[in-house]
Amino acid sequence: MIELVLAVCMVDQPTRCRNITLTFEGDRVSAQQCMSNGQIEMARWAGEHPNWVIQKWHCGIAGQFAKL
Protein backbone atom coordinates (compact mmCIF):
# COMPACT_ATOMS: atom_id res chain seq x y z
CA MET A 1 0.00 0.00 0.00
CA ILE A 2 1.03 3.56 -0.69
CA GLU A 3 0.02 6.52 1.42
CA LEU A 4 -0.24 10.21 0.76
CA VAL A 5 1.07 12.20 3.73
CA LEU A 6 -0.18 15.76 4.15
CA ALA A 7 1.20 18.35 6.54
CA VAL A 8 -1.77 20.62 7.25
CA CYS A 9 -2.20 23.73 9.38
CA MET A 10 -5.28 25.61 10.55
CA VAL A 11 -6.07 28.69 8.49
CA ASP A 12 -6.70 30.93 11.52
CA GLN A 13 -3.98 29.34 13.72
CA PRO A 14 -1.02 28.64 11.40
CA THR A 15 1.09 27.23 14.22
CA ARG A 16 -1.50 24.48 14.87
CA CYS A 17 -0.42 21.78 12.43
CA ARG A 18 -0.66 18.01 12.07
CA ASN A 19 0.04 15.19 9.64
CA ILE A 20 -2.79 13.49 7.80
CA THR A 21 -2.38 10.22 5.89
CA LEU A 22 -4.55 9.03 3.03
CA THR A 23 -3.93 5.43 2.01
CA PHE A 24 -4.19 4.04 -1.52
CA GLU A 25 -4.94 0.35 -1.27
CA GLY A 26 -3.93 -2.16 -3.88
CA ASP A 27 -0.79 -3.97 -4.85
CA ARG A 28 -0.39 -2.14 -8.13
CA VAL A 29 -0.47 1.43 -6.90
CA SER A 30 2.93 3.00 -7.44
CA ALA A 31 4.46 6.11 -5.89
CA GLN A 32 4.16 7.80 -9.30
CA GLN A 33 0.42 7.07 -9.41
CA CYS A 34 0.16 8.44 -5.89
CA MET A 35 1.83 11.65 -7.03
CA SER A 36 -0.63 12.01 -9.92
CA ASN A 37 -3.81 10.87 -8.19
CA GLY A 38 -2.75 12.45 -4.92
CA GLN A 39 -3.50 15.92 -6.27
CA ILE A 40 -7.13 14.89 -6.80
CA GLU A 41 -7.32 13.40 -3.30
CA MET A 42 -5.74 16.53 -1.78
CA ALA A 43 -8.27 18.75 -3.55
CA ARG A 44 -11.10 16.56 -2.25
CA TRP A 45 -9.66 16.60 1.31
CA ALA A 46 -9.16 20.39 1.21
CA GLY A 47 -12.76 20.87 0.03
CA GLU A 48 -14.02 18.78 2.95
CA HIS A 49 -11.78 20.59 5.48
CA PRO A 50 -11.96 24.33 4.64
CA ASN A 51 -10.40 25.41 7.96
CA TRP A 52 -7.13 23.65 7.10
CA VAL A 53 -4.47 24.46 4.51
CA ILE A 54 -2.04 21.92 3.04
CA GLN A 55 1.56 23.05 3.59
CA LYS A 56 3.55 20.03 2.31
CA TRP A 57 2.87 16.56 1.00
CA HIS A 58 4.58 13.42 -0.24
CA CYS A 59 3.89 9.80 -1.12
CA GLY A 60 5.50 6.79 0.52
CA ILE A 61 5.05 3.24 1.72
CA ALA A 62 2.10 2.99 4.11
CA GLY A 63 3.09 3.15 7.77
CA GLN A 64 6.61 4.40 7.13
CA PHE A 65 6.26 8.18 6.92
CA ALA A 66 8.43 10.63 8.80
CA LYS A 67 7.20 13.95 10.09
CA LEU A 68 7.21 16.60 7.39
C-alpha atoms as a PDB file:
ATOM      1  CA  MET A   1       0.000   0.000   0.000  1.00  0.00           C
ATOM      2  CA  ILE A   2       1.029   3.561  -0.690  1.00  0.00           C
ATOM      3  CA  GLU A   3       0.019   6.520   1.418  1.00  0.00           C
ATOM      4  CA  LEU A   4      -0.238  10.213   0.760  1.00  0.00           C
ATOM      5  CA  VAL A   5       1.072  12.196   3.733  1.00  0.00           C
ATOM      6  CA  LEU A   6      -0.180  15.761   4.155  1.00  0.00           C
ATOM      7  CA  ALA A   7       1.200  18.354   6.544  1.00  0.00           C
ATOM      8  CA  VAL A   8      -1.772  20.616   7.251  1.00  0.00           C
ATOM      9  CA  CYS A   9      -2.197  23.729   9.385  1.00  0.00           C
ATOM     10  CA  MET A  10      -5.284  25.611  10.551  1.00  0.00           C
ATOM     11  CA  VAL A  11      -6.074  28.692   8.494  1.00  0.00           C
ATOM     12  CA  ASP A  12      -6.703  30.929  11.523  1.00  0.00           C
ATOM     13  CA  GLN A  13      -3.980  29.338  13.717  1.00  0.00           C
ATOM     14  CA  PRO A  14      -1.022  28.645  11.397  1.00  0.00           C
ATOM     15  CA  THR A  15       1.085  27.225  14.219  1.00  0.00           C
ATOM     16  CA  ARG A  16      -1.496  24.476  14.873  1.00  0.00           C
ATOM     17  CA  CYS A  17      -0.423  21.778  12.430  1.00  0.00           C
ATOM     18  CA  ARG A  18      -0.660  18.011  12.071  1.00  0.00           C
ATOM     19  CA  ASN A  19       0.044  15.188   9.641  1.00  0.00           C
ATOM     20  CA  ILE A  20      -2.792  13.487   7.798  1.00  0.00           C
ATOM     21  CA  THR A  21      -2.377  10.220   5.893  1.00  0.00           C
ATOM     22  CA  LEU A  22      -4.553   9.034   3.032  1.00  0.00           C
ATOM     23  CA  THR A  23      -3.933   5.429   2.011  1.00  0.00           C
ATOM     24  CA  PHE A  24      -4.187   4.041  -1.517  1.00  0.00           C
ATOM     25  CA  GLU A  25      -4.941   0.350  -1.273  1.00  0.00           C
ATOM     26  CA  GLY A  26      -3.929  -2.160  -3.876  1.00  0.00           C
ATOM     27  CA  ASP A  27      -0.791  -3.973  -4.851  1.00  0.00           C
ATOM     28  CA  ARG A  28      -0.392  -2.143  -8.129  1.00  0.00           C
ATOM     29  CA  VAL A  29      -0.467   1.433  -6.898  1.00  0.00           C
ATOM     30  CA  SER A  30       2.930   3.003  -7.437  1.00  0.00           C
ATOM     31  CA  ALA A  31       4.461   6.112  -5.894  1.00  0.00           C
ATOM     32  CA  GLN A  32       4.158   7.798  -9.301  1.00  0.00           C
ATOM     33  CA  GLN A  33       0.420   7.067  -9.407  1.00  0.00           C
ATOM     34  CA  CYS A  34       0.156   8.441  -5.888  1.00  0.00           C
ATOM     35  CA  MET A  35       1.834  11.651  -7.028  1.00  0.00           C
ATOM     36  CA  SER A  36      -0.630  12.012  -9.922  1.00  0.00           C
ATOM     37  CA  ASN A  37      -3.811  10.875  -8.189  1.00  0.00           C
ATOM     38  CA  GLY A  38      -2.751  12.453  -4.920  1.00  0.00           C
ATOM     39  CA  GLN A  39      -3.501  15.919  -6.271  1.00  0.00           C
ATOM     40  CA  ILE A  40      -7.126  14.894  -6.797  1.00  0.00           C
ATOM     41  CA  GLU A  41      -7.316  13.400  -3.296  1.00  0.00           C
ATOM     42  CA  MET A  42      -5.736  16.527  -1.777  1.00  0.00           C
ATOM     43  CA  ALA A  43      -8.271  18.748  -3.546  1.00  0.00           C
ATOM     44  CA  ARG A  44     -11.099  16.555  -2.247  1.00  0.00           C
ATOM     45  CA  TRP A  45      -9.665  16.595   1.306  1.00  0.00           C
ATOM     46  CA  ALA A  46      -9.163  20.387   1.205  1.00  0.00           C
ATOM     47  CA  GLY A  47     -12.757  20.869   0.034  1.00  0.00           C
ATOM     48  CA  GLU A  48     -14.022  18.785   2.947  1.00  0.00           C
ATOM     49  CA  HIS A  49     -11.778  20.586   5.476  1.00  0.00           C
ATOM     50  CA  PRO A  50     -11.960  24.328   4.638  1.00  0.00           C
ATOM     51  CA  ASN A  51     -10.404  25.407   7.958  1.00  0.00           C
ATOM     52  CA  TRP A  52      -7.132  23.645   7.097  1.00  0.00           C
ATOM     53  CA  VAL A  53      -4.467  24.463   4.510  1.00  0.00           C
ATOM     54  CA  ILE A  54      -2.043  21.919   3.042  1.00  0.00           C
ATOM     55  CA  GLN A  55       1.557  23.046   3.588  1.00  0.00           C
ATOM     56  CA  LYS A  56       3.546  20.032   2.314  1.00  0.00           C
ATOM     57  CA  TRP A  57       2.866  16.564   0.998  1.00  0.00           C
ATOM     58  CA  HIS A  58       4.584  13.417  -0.238  1.00  0.00           C
ATOM     59  CA  CYS A  59       3.892   9.801  -1.120  1.00  0.00           C
ATOM     60  CA  GLY A  60       5.496   6.791   0.516  1.00  0.00           C
ATOM     61  CA  ILE A  61       5.049   3.243   1.719  1.00  0.00           C
ATOM     62  CA  ALA A  62       2.101   2.993   4.107  1.00  0.00           C
ATOM     63  CA  GLY A  63       3.093   3.147   7.769  1.00  0.00           C
ATOM     64  CA  GLN A  64       6.613   4.402   7.132  1.00  0.00           C
ATOM     65  CA  PHE A  65       6.264   8.182   6.916  1.00  0.00           C
ATOM     66  CA  ALA A  66       8.433  10.628   8.798  1.00  0.00           C
ATOM     67  CA  LYS A  67       7.203  13.950  10.094  1.00  0.00           C
ATOM     68  CA  LEU A  68       7.214  16.603   7.387  1.00  0.00           C
END
